[in-house]
Amino acid sequence: MSKKKHPDDLRENKILNQAKREVEGFSGLIYRFECSISILGRSQSNFNNYARYVAAAALYFGKISTELETTHH
């Protein structure tokens, strides 16, 4: 019997999948981060929370965080 997913898990997967489809370089960025989290022994929850916010930012700006430029006023 399969375990029913919590609505938050479905929402999280939706935003990650959307960012992977729509933002160039996001899949590679998130893969490298997941490897780093694993090596450092951090929790899956830590990765999930970070990934969700990074995905939202990538979708908003249309690029991954490492490609954003800072502006000085």
Protein backbone atom coordinates (compact mmCIF):
# COMPACT_ATOMS: atom_id res chain seq x y z
CA MET A 1 0.00 0.00 0.00
CA SER A 2 1.41 3.39 -0.94
CA LYS A 3 1.66 6.15 1.62
CA LYS A 4 -0.42 9.24 0.85
CA LYS A 5 1.69 12.37 0.43
CA HIS A 6 1.13 15.38 2.63
CA PRO A 7 -0.13 18.46 0.70
CA ASP A 8 3.05 20.36 1.62
CA ASP A 9 5.15 17.63 -0.03
CA LEU A 10 3.12 17.89 -3.22
CA ARG A 11 3.40 21.69 -3.24
CA GLU A 12 7.15 21.46 -2.69
CA ASN A 13 7.61 18.98 -5.54
CA LYS A 14 5.49 21.16 -7.81
CA ILE A 15 7.63 24.28 -7.31
CA LEU A 16 10.90 22.32 -7.64
CA ASN A 17 9.74 20.62 -10.82
CA GLN A 18 8.53 23.92 -12.26
CA ALA A 19 11.90 25.57 -11.55
CA LYS A 20 13.72 22.60 -13.10
CA ARG A 21 11.63 22.98 -16.25
CA GLU A 22 11.66 26.76 -16.55
CA VAL A 23 14.96 28.03 -15.16
CA GLU A 24 18.17 27.20 -16.97
CA GLY A 25 20.78 25.70 -14.64
CA PHE A 26 18.40 25.10 -11.73
CA SER A 27 18.57 21.30 -11.92
CA GLY A 28 22.35 21.32 -11.69
CA LEU A 29 22.37 23.86 -8.87
CA ILE A 30 19.89 21.92 -6.77
CA TYR A 31 21.70 18.62 -7.45
CA ARG A 32 25.02 20.08 -6.25
CA PHE A 33 23.35 21.50 -3.17
CA GLU A 34 21.67 18.18 -2.34
CA CYS A 35 25.05 16.44 -2.58
CA SER A 36 26.61 19.03 -0.25
CA ILE A 37 23.78 18.68 2.27
CA SER A 38 24.22 14.91 2.24
CA ILE A 39 28.00 15.10 2.70
CA LEU A 40 27.60 17.55 5.59
CA GLY A 41 25.08 15.25 7.27
CA ARG A 42 22.26 17.80 7.26
CA SER A 43 18.64 16.68 7.37
CA GLN A 44 16.37 16.16 4.39
CA SER A 45 14.12 18.80 5.92
CA ASN A 46 16.98 21.32 5.73
CA PHE A 47 17.39 20.59 2.03
CA ASN A 48 13.64 20.70 1.35
CA ASN A 49 13.19 24.08 3.02
CA TYR A 50 16.18 25.64 1.26
CA ALA A 51 15.26 24.14 -2.11
CA ARG A 52 11.71 25.47 -1.93
CA TYR A 53 12.88 29.06 -1.33
CA VAL A 54 15.63 28.87 -3.93
CA ALA A 55 13.12 27.52 -6.45
CA ALA A 56 10.69 30.35 -5.70
CA ALA A 57 13.45 32.95 -6.13
CA ALA A 58 14.64 31.33 -9.37
CA LEU A 59 11.12 31.38 -10.78
CA TYR A 60 10.61 35.00 -9.72
CA PHE A 61 13.88 36.27 -11.24
CA GLY A 62 13.99 33.80 -14.13
CA LYS A 63 17.54 32.71 -13.32
CA ILE A 64 19.47 30.86 -10.65
CA SER A 65 20.83 32.74 -7.66
CA THR A 66 24.46 32.46 -8.77
CA GLU A 67 23.59 34.44 -11.92
CA LEU A 68 21.90 37.34 -10.15
CA GLU A 69 23.73 40.64 -10.17
CA THR A 70 23.86 43.06 -7.29
CA THR A 71 23.22 46.72 -7.87
CA HIS A 72 24.74 49.47 -5.80
CA HIS A 73 22.90 52.75 -5.41
